[in-house]
Amino acid sequence: MIDLISLLRLSLKIGFPCYCFVAMDEDISMMIERVKWQPPLVPSSKLFPAGLHTRTQSDNLWMAILIRSLMRRVPVGLLFLIPGSDPNLSILPAEMLKKKKVMILLNLNSLRWSVNPAT
């Protein structure tokens, strides 16, 4: 449903800019994924010995979670590295494209001649 709202740009009618709505959609999706994992995690927690969490040191766990959360956002900051060009623009020079078309036609002609009409 959220994809449909994004596609139809209904978020603009509500008053949310598209970039805020996409970020909010990502956060909601992650939250839903965590909730979906809860049913199998609860029974599997019975497999660990009692008091296991008290023996591990988790003083810097908050820092690890903060770093992980920030690193998930890093690719968005690197979007400026993608060159802005016309997607319909050809990357190969025109001479190479002409040669490629000729080679394809030659291959097609050789395939036609090599086909056995008896089969």
Protein backbone atom coordinates (compact mmCIF):
# COMPACT_ATOMS: atom_id res chain seq x y z
CA MET A 1 0.00 0.00 0.00
CA ILE A 2 2.85 2.37 0.81
CA ASP A 3 4.35 1.74 -2.64
CA LEU A 4 1.08 2.76 -4.23
CA ILE A 5 0.97 5.97 -2.18
CA SER A 6 4.52 6.73 -3.28
CA LEU A 7 3.81 5.93 -6.93
CA LEU A 8 0.69 8.07 -7.10
CA ARG A 9 2.50 10.82 -5.15
CA LEU A 10 -0.34 11.00 -2.67
CA SER A 11 2.18 11.98 -0.01
CA LEU A 12 2.35 15.44 -1.58
CA LYS A 13 -1.41 15.85 -1.07
CA ILE A 14 -0.97 14.94 2.60
CA GLY A 15 1.84 17.45 2.90
CA PHE A 16 4.91 15.19 3.02
CA PRO A 17 7.73 15.78 0.54
CA CYS A 18 8.65 12.66 -1.44
CA TYR A 19 12.11 12.32 0.10
CA CYS A 20 10.65 12.37 3.65
CA PHE A 21 8.01 9.83 2.68
CA VAL A 22 10.61 7.45 1.20
CA ALA A 23 12.77 7.65 4.34
CA MET A 24 9.72 7.12 6.53
CA ASP A 25 8.67 4.17 4.33
CA GLU A 26 12.09 2.57 4.81
CA ASP A 27 11.89 2.95 8.58
CA ILE A 28 8.37 1.52 8.71
CA SER A 29 9.44 -1.41 6.52
CA MET A 30 12.36 -2.18 8.86
CA MET A 31 10.04 -2.02 11.86
CA ILE A 32 7.58 -4.42 10.20
CA GLU A 33 10.44 -6.83 9.40
CA ARG A 34 11.48 -6.82 13.06
CA VAL A 35 7.93 -7.54 14.20
CA LYS A 36 7.70 -10.42 11.71
CA TRP A 37 10.86 -11.97 13.20
CA GLN A 38 9.55 -11.90 16.78
CA PRO A 39 7.53 -15.16 16.74
CA PRO A 40 10.50 -17.40 15.83
CA LEU A 41 12.89 -15.49 18.09
CA VAL A 42 10.92 -15.99 21.28
CA PRO A 43 11.02 -19.82 21.23
CA SER A 44 14.65 -19.82 20.08
CA SER A 45 15.59 -17.70 23.10
CA LYS A 46 14.74 -20.74 25.25
CA LEU A 47 17.74 -22.53 23.72
CA PHE A 48 20.28 -20.23 25.42
CA PRO A 49 21.31 -20.83 29.01
CA ALA A 50 19.74 -18.62 31.68
CA GLY A 51 21.80 -15.56 32.54
CA LEU A 52 23.77 -15.51 29.29
CA HIS A 53 23.05 -11.83 28.70
CA THR A 54 24.45 -10.89 32.12
CA ARG A 55 27.83 -12.43 31.30
CA THR A 56 28.40 -10.34 28.16
CA GLN A 57 29.64 -6.77 28.32
CA SER A 58 27.34 -4.43 26.44
CA ASP A 59 28.56 -1.02 27.60
CA ASN A 60 29.37 0.11 24.06
CA LEU A 61 26.42 -1.57 22.39
CA TRP A 62 24.73 1.79 21.90
CA MET A 63 27.73 2.98 19.88
CA ALA A 64 27.63 -0.10 17.63
CA ILE A 65 23.92 0.44 16.99
CA LEU A 66 24.50 4.12 16.23
CA ILE A 67 27.32 3.34 13.79
CA ARG A 68 25.22 0.66 12.08
CA SER A 69 22.29 3.05 11.72
CA LEU A 70 24.49 5.79 10.27
CA MET A 71 26.22 3.41 7.86
CA ARG A 72 22.86 2.43 6.42
CA ARG A 73 22.43 6.05 5.32
CA VAL A 74 25.91 6.40 3.74
CA PRO A 75 24.85 5.26 0.23
CA VAL A 76 22.36 8.14 0.07
CA GLY A 77 25.23 10.56 0.69
CA LEU A 78 27.19 9.04 -2.19
CA LEU A 79 24.48 9.53 -4.80
CA PHE A 80 26.28 12.60 -6.12
CA LEU A 81 28.95 10.26 -7.55
CA ILE A 82 26.49 8.87 -10.10
CA PRO A 83 27.00 10.82 -13.33
CA GLY A 84 24.04 12.74 -14.59
CA SER A 85 23.59 11.85 -18.24
CA ASP A 86 20.92 10.86 -20.68
CA PRO A 87 20.09 7.15 -20.17
CA ASN A 88 19.32 6.85 -23.89
CA LEU A 89 22.77 8.08 -24.81
CA SER A 90 25.06 5.43 -26.25
CA ILE A 91 28.29 4.68 -24.39
CA LEU A 92 30.02 3.03 -27.34
CA PRO A 93 31.34 5.04 -30.30
CA ALA A 94 29.22 4.99 -33.46
CA GLU A 95 31.89 3.05 -35.39
CA MET A 96 31.75 0.19 -32.91
CA LEU A 97 27.97 0.11 -33.02
CA LYS A 98 28.00 -0.11 -36.83
CA LYS A 99 30.55 -2.95 -36.71
CA LYS A 100 28.48 -4.74 -34.11
CA LYS A 101 25.33 -4.51 -36.25
CA VAL A 102 27.22 -5.83 -39.28
CA MET A 103 28.60 -8.74 -37.25
CA ILE A 104 25.13 -9.60 -35.99
CA LEU A 105 23.73 -9.55 -39.52
CA LEU A 106 26.61 -11.73 -40.77
CA ASN A 107 26.00 -14.20 -37.97
CA LEU A 108 22.29 -14.31 -38.78
CA ASN A 109 23.03 -14.92 -42.48
CA SER A 110 25.47 -17.72 -41.66
CA LEU A 111 22.86 -19.30 -39.40
CA ARG A 112 20.28 -19.19 -42.17
CA TRP A 113 22.60 -20.93 -44.61
CA SER A 114 23.67 -23.53 -42.11
CA VAL A 115 20.15 -24.68 -41.31
CA ASN A 116 19.41 -28.11 -42.75
CA PRO A 117 16.04 -27.96 -44.60
CA ALA A 118 15.52 -31.70 -44.12
CA THR A 119 15.05 -31.30 -40.36
